Amino acid sequence: MKVLVTGAAGYLGSVLVGELLGAGHQVLAVDNFRYGQTSLLPYCGADEFDVVRGDVRDRDLMARCVKGVDMILPLACLS
C-alpha cells in the first residue's frame, strides 16, 4: 500500500513512517521542515520511501502528491 504522511518529520509522523516502512508499505512523506528536523534521515536510503519538502496548504503540490496514493495520514499542523 502507498501511504502519504503529512507532517512526517514531526514526532508522531516520524515514528509512524518507521512503522509503515517496517510493515512493508511505500511511504511518501510531506513536511515543511520548519524546525530543521532530521528525524526522517534514517529512512532516506529506503527504496520504499520518498520525501517532499513543502506545505500542505499548497494545493498544486498536494494534488501531485495524492496521485497513486492508497491512504492519507494527515498529521501536519502549525504550532
C-alpha atoms as a PDB file:
ATOM      1  CA  MET A   1       0.000   0.000   0.000  1.00  0.00           C
ATOM      2  CA  LYS A   2       1.259   3.505  -0.770  1.00  0.00           C
ATOM      3  CA  VAL A   3       0.718   5.868   2.145  1.00  0.00           C
ATOM      4  CA  LEU A   4       1.031   9.661   2.152  1.00  0.00           C
ATOM      5  CA  VAL A   5       2.016  11.030   5.567  1.00  0.00           C
ATOM      6  CA  THR A   6       1.781  14.789   6.033  1.00  0.00           C
ATOM      7  CA  GLY A   7       3.722  16.239   8.940  1.00  0.00           C
ATOM      8  CA  ALA A   8       6.008  13.246   8.541  1.00  0.00           C
ATOM      9  CA  ALA A   9       9.052  14.814  10.206  1.00  0.00           C
ATOM     10  CA  GLY A  10       7.206  15.586  13.433  1.00  0.00           C
ATOM     11  CA  TYR A  11       7.306  13.328  16.468  1.00  0.00           C
ATOM     12  CA  LEU A  12       4.257  11.218  15.615  1.00  0.00           C
ATOM     13  CA  GLY A  13       4.877  11.320  11.880  1.00  0.00           C
ATOM     14  CA  SER A  14       8.459  10.112  12.084  1.00  0.00           C
ATOM     15  CA  VAL A  15       7.520   7.209  14.353  1.00  0.00           C
ATOM     16  CA  LEU A  16       4.642   6.286  12.064  1.00  0.00           C
ATOM     17  CA  VAL A  17       6.862   6.415   8.958  1.00  0.00           C
ATOM     18  CA  GLY A  18       9.212   3.869  10.527  1.00  0.00           C
ATOM     19  CA  GLU A  19       6.327   1.578  11.448  1.00  0.00           C
ATOM     20  CA  LEU A  20       4.804   1.799   7.977  1.00  0.00           C
ATOM     21  CA  LEU A  21       8.102   1.035   6.265  1.00  0.00           C
ATOM     22  CA  GLY A  22       8.699  -1.848   8.662  1.00  0.00           C
ATOM     23  CA  ALA A  23       5.307  -3.267   7.701  1.00  0.00           C
ATOM     24  CA  GLY A  24       6.278  -3.213   4.021  1.00  0.00           C
ATOM     25  CA  HIS A  25       4.369  -0.138   2.868  1.00  0.00           C
ATOM     26  CA  GLN A  26       5.573   2.540   0.463  1.00  0.00           C
ATOM     27  CA  VAL A  27       5.658   5.940   2.149  1.00  0.00           C
ATOM     28  CA  LEU A  28       5.523   9.424   0.676  1.00  0.00           C
ATOM     29  CA  ALA A  29       6.421  11.893   3.416  1.00  0.00           C
ATOM     30  CA  VAL A  30       5.469  15.563   3.161  1.00  0.00           C
ATOM     31  CA  ASP A  31       6.787  18.136   5.615  1.00  0.00           C
ATOM     32  CA  ASN A  32       7.910  21.763   5.537  1.00  0.00           C
ATOM     33  CA  PHE A  33      10.831  21.039   7.904  1.00  0.00           C
ATOM     34  CA  ARG A  34      10.129  24.350   9.612  1.00  0.00           C
ATOM     35  CA  TYR A  35      12.161  23.401  12.677  1.00  0.00           C
ATOM     36  CA  GLY A  36      15.056  21.700  10.883  1.00  0.00           C
ATOM     37  CA  GLN A  37      14.006  18.195  11.899  1.00  0.00           C
ATOM     38  CA  THR A  38      16.304  15.320  10.958  1.00  0.00           C
ATOM     39  CA  SER A  39      14.001  12.545  12.161  1.00  0.00           C
ATOM     40  CA  LEU A  40      13.473  11.115   8.656  1.00  0.00           C
ATOM     41  CA  LEU A  41      17.177  10.720   7.821  1.00  0.00           C
ATOM     42  CA  PRO A  42      17.293   7.021   8.795  1.00  0.00           C
ATOM     43  CA  TYR A  43      14.716   6.243   6.095  1.00  0.00           C
ATOM     44  CA  CYS A  44      16.176   8.282   3.234  1.00  0.00           C
ATOM     45  CA  GLY A  45      18.041   5.345   1.690  1.00  0.00           C
ATOM     46  CA  ALA A  46      14.991   3.090   1.553  1.00  0.00           C
ATOM     47  CA  ASP A  47      13.579   2.335  -1.901  1.00  0.00           C
ATOM     48  CA  GLU A  48      10.055   2.451  -0.471  1.00  0.00           C
ATOM     49  CA  PHE A  49      10.489   5.981   0.924  1.00  0.00           C
ATOM     50  CA  ASP A  50      10.135   9.356  -0.783  1.00  0.00           C
ATOM     51  CA  VAL A  51      10.120  12.755   0.858  1.00  0.00           C
ATOM     52  CA  VAL A  52       8.754  16.071  -0.379  1.00  0.00           C
ATOM     53  CA  ARG A  53       9.588  19.373   1.259  1.00  0.00           C
ATOM     54  CA  GLY A  54       6.513  21.524   1.058  1.00  0.00           C
ATOM     55  CA  ASP A  55       3.450  22.977   2.709  1.00  0.00           C
ATOM     56  CA  VAL A  56       0.186  21.034   2.807  1.00  0.00           C
ATOM     57  CA  ARG A  57      -1.643  24.305   2.138  1.00  0.00           C
ATOM     58  CA  ASP A  58      -0.114  24.305  -1.372  1.00  0.00           C
ATOM     59  CA  ARG A  59      -2.976  22.861  -3.428  1.00  0.00           C
ATOM     60  CA  ASP A  60      -0.882  22.185  -6.536  1.00  0.00           C
ATOM     61  CA  LEU A  61       1.751  20.331  -4.534  1.00  0.00           C
ATOM     62  CA  MET A  62      -0.805  18.208  -2.732  1.00  0.00           C
ATOM     63  CA  ALA A  63      -2.665  17.440  -5.971  1.00  0.00           C
ATOM     64  CA  ARG A  64       0.588  15.949  -7.291  1.00  0.00           C
ATOM     65  CA  CYS A  65       1.313  14.103  -4.039  1.00  0.00           C
ATOM     66  CA  VAL A  66      -2.038  12.327  -3.764  1.00  0.00           C
ATOM     67  CA  LYS A  67      -1.791  10.693  -7.199  1.00  0.00           C
ATOM     68  CA  GLY A  68      -1.444   6.940  -6.828  1.00  0.00           C
ATOM     69  CA  VAL A  69      -1.770   7.035  -3.036  1.00  0.00           C
ATOM     70  CA  ASP A  70      -3.955   4.463  -1.280  1.00  0.00           C
ATOM     71  CA  MET A  71      -4.156   6.178   2.114  1.00  0.00           C
ATOM     72  CA  ILE A  72      -3.510   9.645   3.548  1.00  0.00           C
ATOM     73  CA  LEU A  73      -2.487  10.127   7.167  1.00  0.00           C
ATOM     74  CA  PRO A  74      -2.881  13.872   7.858  1.00  0.00           C
ATOM     75  CA  LEU A  75      -0.571  14.775  10.736  1.00  0.00           C
ATOM     76  CA  ALA A  76       0.567  18.219   9.576  1.00  0.00           C
ATOM     77  CA  CYS A  77      -0.109  21.154  11.873  1.00  0.00           C
ATOM     78  CA  LEU A  78       1.328  24.500  12.855  1.00  0.00           C
ATOM     79  CA  SER A  79       2.322  25.077  16.430  1.00  0.00           C
END
